[in-house]
PDB file of all heavy atoms in Angstrom:
ATOM      1  N   THR A   1       0.792  -1.224   0.000  1.00  0.00           N
ATOM      2  CA  THR A   1       0.000   0.000   0.000  1.00  0.00           C
ATOM      3  C   THR A   1       0.827   1.278   0.000  1.00  0.00           C
ATOM      4  O   THR A   1       0.318   2.332  -0.356  1.00  0.00           O
ATOM      5  CB  THR A   1      -0.947   0.039   1.214  1.00  0.00           C
ATOM      6  OG1 THR A   1      -0.170  -0.040   2.416  1.00  0.00           O
ATOM      7  CG2 THR A   1      -1.954  -1.102   1.167  1.00  0.00           C
ATOM      8  N   ALA A   2       2.105   1.211   0.407  1.00  0.00           N
ATOM      9  CA  ALA A   2       2.940   2.419   0.415  1.00  0.00           C
ATOM     10  C   ALA A   2       3.224   2.849  -1.014  1.00  0.00           C
ATOM     11  O   ALA A   2       3.481   2.017  -1.892  1.00  0.00           O
ATOM     12  CB  ALA A   2       4.251   2.150   1.159  1.00  0.00           C
ATOM     13  N   GLY A   3       3.182   4.148  -1.250  1.00  0.00           N
ATOM     14  CA  GLY A   3       3.431   4.657  -2.591  1.00  0.00           C
ATOM     15  C   GLY A   3       4.901   4.707  -2.937  1.00  0.00           C
ATOM     16  O   GLY A   3       5.306   4.388  -4.049  1.00  0.00           O
ATOM     17  N   ALA A   4       5.727   5.118  -1.983  1.00  0.00           N
ATOM     18  CA  ALA A   4       7.163   5.245  -2.223  1.00  0.00           C
ATOM     19  C   ALA A   4       7.876   5.321  -0.881  1.00  0.00           C
ATOM     20  O   ALA A   4       7.260   5.619   0.141  1.00  0.00           O
ATOM     21  CB  ALA A   4       7.444   6.500  -3.041  1.00  0.00           C
ATOM     22  N   VAL A   5       9.164   5.053  -0.904  1.00  0.00           N
ATOM     23  CA  VAL A   5      10.006   5.224   0.276  1.00  0.00           C
ATOM     24  C   VAL A   5      11.196   6.067  -0.155  1.00  0.00           C
ATOM     25  O   VAL A   5      11.486   6.193  -1.344  1.00  0.00           O
ATOM     26  CB  VAL A   5      10.464   3.872   0.866  1.00  0.00           C
ATOM     27  CG1 VAL A   5       9.266   3.079   1.374  1.00  0.00           C
ATOM     28  CG2 VAL A   5      11.247   3.054  -0.145  1.00  0.00           C
ATOM     29  N   ASP A   6      11.870   6.669   0.809  1.00  0.00           N
ATOM     30  CA  ASP A   6      12.993   7.529   0.454  1.00  0.00           C
ATOM     31  C   ASP A   6      14.201   7.195   1.315  1.00  0.00           C
ATOM     32  O   ASP A   6      14.186   6.238   2.087  1.00  0.00           O
ATOM     33  CB  ASP A   6      12.600   9.006   0.591  1.00  0.00           C
ATOM     34  CG  ASP A   6      12.076   9.349   1.976  1.00  0.00           C
ATOM     35  OD1 ASP A   6      12.106   8.487   2.875  1.00  0.00           O
ATOM     36  OD2 ASP A   6      11.645  10.492   2.179  1.00  0.00           O
ATOM     37  N   GLY A   7      15.236   8.011   1.151  1.00  0.00           N
ATOM     38  CA  GLY A   7      16.457   7.763   1.906  1.00  0.00           C
ATOM     39  C   GLY A   7      17.136   6.500   1.393  1.00  0.00           C
ATOM     40  O   GLY A   7      17.040   6.155   0.213  1.00  0.00           O
ATOM     41  N   ASN A   8      17.783   5.814   2.277  1.00  0.00           N
ATOM     42  CA  ASN A   8      18.538   4.604   1.920  1.00  0.00           C
ATOM     43  C   ASN A   8      17.621   3.379   1.999  1.00  0.00           C
ATOM     44  O   ASN A   8      17.940   2.400   2.659  1.00  0.00           O
ATOM     45  CB  ASN A   8      19.742   4.466   2.860  1.00  0.00           C
ATOM     46  CG  ASN A   8      20.785   3.529   2.324  1.00  0.00           C
ATOM     47  OD1 ASN A   8      20.705   3.072   1.188  1.00  0.00           O
ATOM     48  ND2 ASN A   8      21.765   3.222   3.145  1.00  0.00           N
ATOM     49  N   ALA A   9      16.465   3.471   1.342  1.00  0.00           N
ATOM     50  CA  ALA A   9      15.465   2.400   1.393  1.00  0.00           C
ATOM     51  C   ALA A   9      14.934   2.120  -0.004  1.00  0.00           C
ATOM     52  O   ALA A   9      14.943   2.990  -0.871  1.00  0.00           O
ATOM     53  CB  ALA A   9      14.305   2.805   2.315  1.00  0.00           C
ATOM     54  N   ARG A  10      14.478   0.883  -0.166  1.00  0.00           N
ATOM     55  CA  ARG A  10      13.797   0.522  -1.406  1.00  0.00           C
ATOM     56  C   ARG A  10      12.490  -0.166  -1.045  1.00  0.00           C
ATOM     57  O   ARG A  10      12.380  -0.821  -0.005  1.00  0.00           O
ATOM     58  CB  ARG A  10      14.665  -0.357  -2.292  1.00  0.00           C
ATOM     59  CG  ARG A  10      14.919  -1.734  -1.744  1.00  0.00           C
ATOM     60  CD  ARG A  10      15.767  -2.563  -2.728  1.00  0.00           C
ATOM     61  NE  ARG A  10      16.021  -3.877  -2.226  1.00  0.00           N
ATOM     62  CZ  ARG A  10      15.211  -4.930  -2.371  1.00  0.00           C
ATOM     63  NH1 ARG A  10      14.082  -4.807  -3.031  1.00  0.00           N
ATOM     64  NH2 ARG A  10      15.527  -6.104  -1.869  1.00  0.00           N
ATOM     65  N   LEU A  11      11.503  -0.014  -1.888  1.00  0.00           N
ATOM     66  CA  LEU A  11      10.177  -0.578  -1.666  1.00  0.00           C
ATOM     67  C   LEU A  11      10.084  -1.958  -2.304  1.00  0.00           C
ATOM     68  O   LEU A  11      10.483  -2.142  -3.454  1.00  0.00           O
ATOM     69  CB  LEU A  11       9.107   0.344  -2.256  1.00  0.00           C
ATOM     70  CG  LEU A  11       7.659  -0.052  -2.068  1.00  0.00           C
ATOM     71  CD1 LEU A  11       7.284  -0.103  -0.588  1.00  0.00           C
ATOM     72  CD2 LEU A  11       6.746   0.917  -2.815  1.00  0.00           C
ATOM     73  N   VAL A  12       9.557  -2.915  -1.543  1.00  0.00           N
ATOM     74  CA  VAL A  12       9.300  -4.268  -2.040  1.00  0.00           C
ATOM     75  C   VAL A  12       7.794  -4.471  -2.010  1.00  0.00           C
ATOM     76  O   VAL A  12       7.174  -4.407  -0.949  1.00  0.00           O
ATOM     77  CB  VAL A  12      10.000  -5.336  -1.170  1.00  0.00           C
ATOM     78  CG1 VAL A  12       9.660  -6.737  -1.678  1.00  0.00           C
ATOM     79  CG2 VAL A  12      11.493  -5.106  -1.123  1.00  0.00           C
ATOM     80  N   THR A  13       7.192  -4.707  -3.176  1.00  0.00           N
ATOM     81  CA  THR A  13       5.744  -4.875  -3.248  1.00  0.00           C
ATOM     82  C   THR A  13       5.335  -6.316  -3.525  1.00  0.00           C
ATOM     83  O   THR A  13       4.166  -6.651  -3.422  1.00  0.00           O
ATOM     84  CB  THR A  13       5.146  -3.964  -4.341  1.00  0.00           C
ATOM     85  OG1 THR A  13       5.761  -4.290  -5.589  1.00  0.00           O
ATOM     86  CG2 THR A  13       5.380  -2.492  -4.015  1.00  0.00           C
ATOM     87  N   GLY A  14       6.293  -7.157  -3.858  1.00  0.00           N
ATOM     88  CA  GLY A  14       5.999  -8.557  -4.175  1.00  0.00           C
ATOM     89  C   GLY A  14       5.875  -9.405  -2.925  1.00  0.00           C
ATOM     90  O   GLY A  14       5.795  -8.899  -1.799  1.00  0.00           O
ATOM     91  N   ASP A  15       5.890 -10.700  -3.127  1.00  0.00           N
ATOM     92  CA  ASP A  15       5.747 -11.652  -2.025  1.00  0.00           C
ATOM     93  C   ASP A  15       6.919 -11.530  -1.055  1.00  0.00           C
ATOM     94  O   ASP A  15       8.082 -11.694  -1.443  1.00  0.00           O
ATOM     95  CB  ASP A  15       5.676 -13.079  -2.583  1.00  0.00           C
ATOM     96  CG  ASP A  15       5.522 -14.094  -1.482  1.00  0.00           C
ATOM     97  OD1 ASP A  15       4.460 -14.125  -0.841  1.00  0.00           O
ATOM     98  OD2 ASP A  15       6.497 -14.854  -1.242  1.00  0.00           O
ATOM     99  N   ALA A  16       6.623 -11.252   0.208  1.00  0.00           N
ATOM    100  CA  ALA A  16       7.651 -11.017   1.219  1.00  0.00           C
ATOM    101  C   ALA A  16       8.513 -12.253   1.452  1.00  0.00           C
ATOM    102  O   ALA A  16       9.745 -12.151   1.523  1.00  0.00           O
ATOM    103  CB  ALA A  16       7.008 -10.563   2.530  1.00  0.00           C
ATOM    104  N   VAL A  17       7.905 -13.422   1.576  1.00  0.00           N
ATOM    105  CA  VAL A  17       8.670 -14.639   1.859  1.00  0.00           C
ATOM    106  C   VAL A  17       9.638 -14.945   0.719  1.00  0.00           C
ATOM    107  O   VAL A  17      10.806 -15.289   0.954  1.00  0.00           O
ATOM    108  CB  VAL A  17       7.724 -15.824   2.148  1.00  0.00           C
ATOM    109  CG1 VAL A  17       8.485 -17.137   2.195  1.00  0.00           C
ATOM    110  CG2 VAL A  17       6.965 -15.585   3.453  1.00  0.00           C
ATOM    111  N   THR A  18       9.199 -14.787  -0.502  1.00  0.00           N
ATOM    112  CA  THR A  18      10.067 -15.024  -1.661  1.00  0.00           C
ATOM    113  C   THR A  18      11.251 -14.067  -1.643  1.00  0.00           C
ATOM    114  O   THR A  18      12.403 -14.473  -1.853  1.00  0.00           O
ATOM    115  CB  THR A  18       9.272 -14.881  -2.975  1.00  0.00           C
ATOM    116  OG1 THR A  18       8.215 -15.837  -2.976  1.00  0.00           O
ATOM    117  CG2 THR A  18      10.161 -15.072  -4.190  1.00  0.00           C
ATOM    118  N   GLU A  19      10.992 -12.791  -1.370  1.00  0.00           N
ATOM    119  CA  GLU A  19      12.066 -11.796  -1.369  1.00  0.00           C
ATOM    120  C   GLU A  19      13.008 -11.996  -0.183  1.00  0.00           C
ATOM    121  O   GLU A  19      14.235 -11.883  -0.340  1.00  0.00           O
ATOM    122  CB  GLU A  19      11.482 -10.373  -1.347  1.00  0.00           C
ATOM    123  CG  GLU A  19      12.524  -9.285  -1.347  1.00  0.00           C
ATOM    124  CD  GLU A  19      13.406  -9.219  -2.594  1.00  0.00           C
ATOM    125  OE1 GLU A  19      13.189  -9.974  -3.565  1.00  0.00           O
ATOM    126  OE2 GLU A  19      14.346  -8.399  -2.594  1.00  0.00           O
ATOM    127  N   ILE A  20      12.500 -12.310   0.991  1.00  0.00           N
ATOM    128  CA  ILE A  20      13.371 -12.543   2.149  1.00  0.00           C
ATOM    129  C   ILE A  20      14.242 -13.774   1.906  1.00  0.00           C
ATOM    130  O   ILE A  20      15.431 -13.771   2.222  1.00  0.00           O
ATOM    131  CB  ILE A  20      12.545 -12.680   3.441  1.00  0.00           C
ATOM    132  CG1 ILE A  20      11.850 -11.347   3.763  1.00  0.00           C
ATOM    133  CG2 ILE A  20      13.426 -13.112   4.617  1.00  0.00           C
ATOM    134  CD1 ILE A  20      10.783 -11.449   4.840  1.00  0.00           C
ATOM    135  N   THR A  21      13.682 -14.814   1.324  1.00  0.00           N
ATOM    136  CA  THR A  21      14.452 -16.012   0.991  1.00  0.00           C
ATOM    137  C   THR A  21      15.575 -15.667   0.025  1.00  0.00           C
ATOM    138  O   THR A  21      16.718 -16.109   0.188  1.00  0.00           O
ATOM    139  CB  THR A  21      13.525 -17.095   0.391  1.00  0.00           C
ATOM    140  OG1 THR A  21      12.507 -17.410   1.342  1.00  0.00           O
ATOM    141  CG2 THR A  21      14.300 -18.348   0.024  1.00  0.00           C
ATOM    142  N   ARG A  22      15.276 -14.857  -0.964  1.00  0.00           N
ATOM    143  CA  ARG A  22      16.285 -14.438  -1.938  1.00  0.00           C
ATOM    144  C   ARG A  22      17.383 -13.622  -1.260  1.00  0.00           C
ATOM    145  O   ARG A  22      18.580 -13.855  -1.470  1.00  0.00           O
ATOM    146  CB  ARG A  22      15.638 -13.619  -3.055  1.00  0.00           C
ATOM    147  CG  ARG A  22      16.601 -13.243  -4.185  1.00  0.00           C
ATOM    148  CD  ARG A  22      15.976 -12.270  -5.167  1.00  0.00           C
ATOM    149  NE  ARG A  22      15.848 -10.929  -4.620  1.00  0.00           N
ATOM    150  CZ  ARG A  22      16.864 -10.081  -4.448  1.00  0.00           C
ATOM    151  NH1 ARG A  22      18.096 -10.440  -4.739  1.00  0.00           N
ATOM    152  NH2 ARG A  22      16.655  -8.879  -3.962  1.00  0.00           N
ATOM    153  N   LEU A  23      16.995 -12.680  -0.411  1.00  0.00           N
ATOM    154  CA  LEU A  23      17.968 -11.829   0.280  1.00  0.00           C
ATOM    155  C   LEU A  23      18.868 -12.635   1.212  1.00  0.00           C
ATOM    156  O   LEU A  23      20.062 -12.368   1.321  1.00  0.00           O
ATOM    157  CB  LEU A  23      17.251 -10.729   1.062  1.00  0.00           C
ATOM    158  CG  LEU A  23      16.565  -9.659   0.219  1.00  0.00           C
ATOM    159  CD1 LEU A  23      15.653  -8.797   1.080  1.00  0.00           C
ATOM    160  CD2 LEU A  23      17.598  -8.812  -0.518  1.00  0.00           C
ATOM    161  N   LYS A  24      18.287 -13.624   1.899  1.00  0.00           N
ATOM    162  CA  LYS A  24      19.090 -14.466   2.797  1.00  0.00           C
ATOM    163  C   LYS A  24      20.142 -15.244   2.023  1.00  0.00           C
ATOM    164  O   LYS A  24      21.231 -15.502   2.543  1.00  0.00           O
ATOM    165  CB  LYS A  24      18.201 -15.459   3.560  1.00  0.00           C
ATOM    166  CG  LYS A  24      17.513 -14.850   4.755  1.00  0.00           C
ATOM    167  CD  LYS A  24      16.879 -15.906   5.608  1.00  0.00           C
ATOM    168  CE  LYS A  24      17.951 -16.739   6.263  1.00  0.00           C
ATOM    169  NZ  LYS A  24      17.552 -17.580   7.339  1.00  0.00           N
ATOM    170  N   ALA A  25      19.875 -15.621   0.805  1.00  0.00           N
ATOM    171  CA  ALA A  25      20.801 -16.415   0.006  1.00  0.00           C
ATOM    172  C   ALA A  25      21.963 -15.578  -0.536  1.00  0.00           C
ATOM    173  O   ALA A  25      22.972 -16.128  -0.958  1.00  0.00           O
ATOM    174  CB  ALA A  25      20.057 -17.079  -1.147  1.00  0.00           C
ATOM    175  N   GLU A  26      21.830 -14.266  -0.509  1.00  0.00           N
ATOM    176  CA  GLU A  26      22.880 -13.388  -1.011  1.00  0.00           C
ATOM    177  C   GLU A  26      24.038 -13.295  -0.022  1.00  0.00           C
ATOM    178  O   GLU A  26      23.894 -13.587   1.159  1.00  0.00           O
ATOM    179  CB  GLU A  26      22.341 -11.965  -1.206  1.00  0.00           C
ATOM    180  CG  GLU A  26      21.374 -11.796  -2.330  1.00  0.00           C
ATOM    181  CD  GLU A  26      20.905 -10.350  -2.469  1.00  0.00           C
ATOM    182  OE1 GLU A  26      21.099  -9.548  -1.523  1.00  0.00           O
ATOM    183  OE2 GLU A  26      20.342 -10.030  -3.521  1.00  0.00           O
ATOM    184  N   ASP A  27      25.178 -12.836  -0.524  1.00  0.00           N
ATOM    185  CA  ASP A  27      26.281 -12.471   0.350  1.00  0.00           C
ATOM    186  C   ASP A  27      25.952 -11.116   0.967  1.00  0.00           C
ATOM    187  O   ASP A  27      25.230 -10.320   0.383  1.00  0.00           O
ATOM    188  CB  ASP A  27      27.582 -12.364  -0.447  1.00  0.00           C
ATOM    189  CG  ASP A  27      28.081 -13.717  -0.935  1.00  0.00           C
ATOM    190  OD1 ASP A  27      27.784 -14.731  -0.264  1.00  0.00           O
ATOM    191  OD2 ASP A  27      28.754 -13.751  -1.980  1.00  0.00           O
ATOM    192  N   GLY A  28      26.516 -10.868   2.124  1.00  0.00           N
ATOM    193  CA  GLY A  28      26.309  -9.570   2.757  1.00  0.00           C
ATOM    194  C   GLY A  28      26.213  -9.702   4.250  1.00  0.00           C
ATOM    195  O   GLY A  28      26.265 -10.800   4.804  1.00  0.00           O
ATOM    196  N   GLY A  29      26.085  -8.568   4.897  1.00  0.00           N
ATOM    197  CA  GLY A  29      26.016  -8.519   6.344  1.00  0.00           C
ATOM    198  C   GLY A  29      24.684  -9.034   6.864  1.00  0.00           C
ATOM    199  O   GLY A  29      23.753  -9.318   6.099  1.00  0.00           O
ATOM    200  N   PRO A  30      24.586  -9.147   8.182  1.00  0.00           N
ATOM    201  CA  PRO A  30      23.364  -9.667   8.794  1.00  0.00           C
ATOM    202  C   PRO A  30      22.157  -8.775   8.517  1.00  0.00           C
ATOM    203  O   PRO A  30      22.297  -7.578   8.288  1.00  0.00           O
ATOM    204  CB  PRO A  30      23.697  -9.707  10.283  1.00  0.00           C
ATOM    205  CG  PRO A  30      24.828  -8.764  10.467  1.00  0.00           C
ATOM    206  CD  PRO A  30      25.578  -8.741   9.175  1.00  0.00           C
ATOM    207  N   MET A  31      20.992  -9.407   8.534  1.00  0.00           N
ATOM    208  CA  MET A  31      19.738  -8.686   8.312  1.00  0.00           C
ATOM    209  C   MET A  31      18.917  -8.701   9.597  1.00  0.00           C
ATOM    210  O   MET A  31      18.907  -9.694  10.321  1.00  0.00           O
ATOM    211  CB  MET A  31      18.921  -9.341   7.194  1.00  0.00           C
ATOM    212  CG  MET A  31      19.623  -9.348   5.855  1.00  0.00           C
ATOM    213  SD  MET A  31      18.580  -9.928   4.483  1.00  0.00           S
ATOM    214  CE  MET A  31      17.982 -11.495   5.045  1.00  0.00           C
ATOM    215  N   ASP A  32      18.241  -7.591   9.854  1.00  0.00           N
ATOM    216  CA  ASP A  32      17.268  -7.503  10.941  1.00  0.00           C
ATOM    217  C   ASP A  32      15.897  -7.324  10.318  1.00  0.00           C
ATOM    218  O   ASP A  32      15.754  -6.626   9.308  1.00  0.00           O
ATOM    219  CB  ASP A  32      17.561  -6.313  11.853  1.00  0.00           C
ATOM    220  CG  ASP A  32      18.596  -6.617  12.919  1.00  0.00           C
ATOM    221  OD1 ASP A  32      19.069  -7.761  12.995  1.00  0.00           O
ATOM    222  OD2 ASP A  32      18.925  -5.695  13.682  1.00  0.00           O
ATOM    223  N   ILE A  33      14.900  -7.941  10.923  1.00  0.00           N
ATOM    224  CA  ILE A  33      13.527  -7.795  10.451  1.00  0.00           C
ATOM    225  C   ILE A  33      12.713  -7.159  11.568  1.00  0.00           C
ATOM    226  O   ILE A  33      12.881  -7.496  12.738  1.00  0.00           O
ATOM    227  CB  ILE A  33      12.935  -9.154  10.005  1.00  0.00           C
ATOM    228  CG1 ILE A  33      11.593  -8.957   9.297  1.00  0.00           C
ATOM    229  CG2 ILE A  33      12.842 -10.135  11.147  1.00  0.00           C
ATOM    230  CD1 ILE A  33      11.099 -10.211   8.568  1.00  0.00           C
ATOM    231  N   GLY A  34      11.863  -6.215  11.221  1.00  0.00           N
ATOM    232  CA  GLY A  34      11.033  -5.541  12.205  1.00  0.00           C
ATOM    233  C   GLY A  34       9.642  -5.297  11.670  1.00  0.00           C
ATOM    234  O   GLY A  34       9.443  -5.111  10.469  1.00  0.00           O
ATOM    235  N   GLY A  35       8.713  -5.297  12.587  1.00  0.00           N
ATOM    236  CA  GLY A  35       7.317  -5.157  12.224  1.00  0.00           C
ATOM    237  C   GLY A  35       6.638  -6.496  12.403  1.00  0.00           C
ATOM    238  O   GLY A  35       7.109  -7.513  11.867  1.00  0.00           O
ATOM    239  N   ALA A  36       5.584  -6.520  13.183  1.00  0.00           N
ATOM    240  CA  ALA A  36       4.953  -7.784  13.575  1.00  0.00           C
ATOM    241  C   ALA A  36       4.432  -8.601  12.396  1.00  0.00           C
ATOM    242  O   ALA A  36       4.625  -9.813  12.357  1.00  0.00           O
ATOM    243  CB  ALA A  36       3.827  -7.507  14.559  1.00  0.00           C
ATOM    244  N   THR A  37       3.789  -7.977  11.448  1.00  0.00           N
ATOM    245  CA  THR A  37       3.195  -8.717  10.335  1.00  0.00           C
ATOM    246  C   THR A  37       4.276  -9.310   9.436  1.00  0.00           C
ATOM    247  O   THR A  37       4.213 -10.484   9.068  1.00  0.00           O
ATOM    248  CB  THR A  37       2.257  -7.802   9.524  1.00  0.00           C
ATOM    249  OG1 THR A  37       1.256  -7.272  10.411  1.00  0.00           O
ATOM    250  CG2 THR A  37       1.585  -8.552   8.400  1.00  0.00           C
ATOM    251  N   LEU A  38       5.276  -8.510   9.095  1.00  0.00           N
ATOM    252  CA  LEU A  38       6.369  -8.999   8.258  1.00  0.00           C
ATOM    253  C   LEU A  38       7.139 -10.102   8.977  1.00  0.00           C
ATOM    254  O   LEU A  38       7.428 -11.149   8.398  1.00  0.00           O
ATOM    255  CB  LEU A  38       7.305  -7.851   7.885  1.00  0.00           C
ATOM    256  CG  LEU A  38       8.488  -8.219   6.996  1.00  0.00           C
ATOM    257  CD1 LEU A  38       8.009  -8.766   5.655  1.00  0.00           C
ATOM    258  CD2 LEU A  38       9.385  -6.997   6.799  1.00  0.00           C
ATOM    259  N   ALA A  39       7.472  -9.884  10.245  1.00  0.00           N
ATOM    260  CA  ALA A  39       8.215 -10.898  11.000  1.00  0.00           C
ATOM    261  C   ALA A  39       7.406 -12.182  11.138  1.00  0.00           C
ATOM    262  O   ALA A  39       7.963 -13.280  11.099  1.00  0.00           O
ATOM    263  CB  ALA A  39       8.598 -10.357  12.375  1.00  0.00           C
ATOM    264  N   ALA A  40       6.087 -12.065  11.283  1.00  0.00           N
ATOM    265  CA  ALA A  40       5.247 -13.261  11.404  1.00  0.00           C
ATOM    266  C   ALA A  40       5.344 -14.128  10.157  1.00  0.00           C
ATOM    267  O   ALA A  40       5.424 -15.355  10.247  1.00  0.00           O
ATOM    268  CB  ALA A  40       3.797 -12.864  11.669  1.00  0.00           C
ATOM    269  N   ALA A  41       5.370 -13.508   8.982  1.00  0.00           N
ATOM    270  CA  ALA A  41       5.487 -14.274   7.740  1.00  0.00           C
ATOM    271  C   ALA A  41       6.824 -15.007   7.701  1.00  0.00           C
ATOM    272  O   ALA A  41       6.890 -16.183   7.322  1.00  0.00           O
ATOM    273  CB  ALA A  41       5.354 -13.349   6.532  1.00  0.00           C
ATOM    274  N   ALA A  42       7.893 -14.340   8.110  1.00  0.00           N
ATOM    275  CA  ALA A  42       9.216 -14.975   8.128  1.00  0.00           C
ATOM    276  C   ALA A  42       9.284 -16.057   9.199  1.00  0.00           C
ATOM    277  O   ALA A  42       9.895 -17.105   8.994  1.00  0.00           O
ATOM    278  CB  ALA A  42      10.292 -13.915   8.361  1.00  0.00           C
ATOM    279  N   MET A  43       8.646 -15.812  10.325  1.00  0.00           N
ATOM    280  CA  MET A  43       8.645 -16.779  11.427  1.00  0.00           C
ATOM    281  C   MET A  43       7.916 -18.056  11.024  1.00  0.00           C
ATOM    282  O   MET A  43       8.403 -19.163  11.263  1.00  0.00           O
ATOM    283  CB  MET A  43       7.962 -16.133  12.643  1.00  0.00           C
ATOM    284  CG  MET A  43       8.188 -16.828  13.958  1.00  0.00           C
ATOM    285  SD  MET A  43       7.306 -16.025  15.343  1.00  0.00           S
ATOM    286  CE  MET A  43       7.835 -14.330  15.241  1.00  0.00           C
ATOM    287  N   ARG A  44       6.744 -17.916  10.415  1.00  0.00           N
ATOM    288  CA  ARG A  44       5.934 -19.076  10.023  1.00  0.00           C
ATOM    289  C   ARG A  44       6.632 -19.947   8.993  1.00  0.00           C
ATOM    290  O   ARG A  44       6.361 -21.137   8.907  1.00  0.00           O
ATOM    291  CB  ARG A  44       4.574 -18.630   9.493  1.00  0.00           C
ATOM    292  CG  ARG A  44       3.584 -18.266  10.583  1.00  0.00           C
ATOM    293  CD  ARG A  44       2.178 -18.086  10.048  1.00  0.00           C
ATOM    294  NE  ARG A  44       2.054 -17.016   9.078  1.00  0.00           N
ATOM    295  CZ  ARG A  44       1.867 -15.740   9.363  1.00  0.00           C
ATOM    296  NH1 ARG A  44       1.757 -15.351  10.611  1.00  0.00           N
ATOM    297  NH2 ARG A  44       1.763 -14.846   8.412  1.00  0.00           N
ATOM    298  N   THR A  45       7.523 -19.355   8.200  1.00  0.00           N
ATOM    299  CA  THR A  45       8.201 -20.119   7.154  1.00  0.00           C
ATOM    300  C   THR A  45       9.626 -20.505   7.542  1.00  0.00           C
ATOM    301  O   THR A  45      10.380 -20.994   6.695  1.00  0.00           O
ATOM    302  CB  THR A  45       8.210 -19.328   5.831  1.00  0.00           C
ATOM    303  OG1 THR A  45       8.789 -18.045   6.052  1.00  0.00           O
ATOM    304  CG2 THR A  45       6.805 -19.182   5.279  1.00  0.00           C
TER     305      THR A  45
END
């Protein structure tokens, strides 16, 4: 539902679980997840 984000952020409008799975498979530093609804989707999977 968000129209846009700014600063050092990018908007993800697709399936959250698919995108989080993809991001976890990448190289890079640790990731933190915040927000109850988003974290619940990651927790359930």
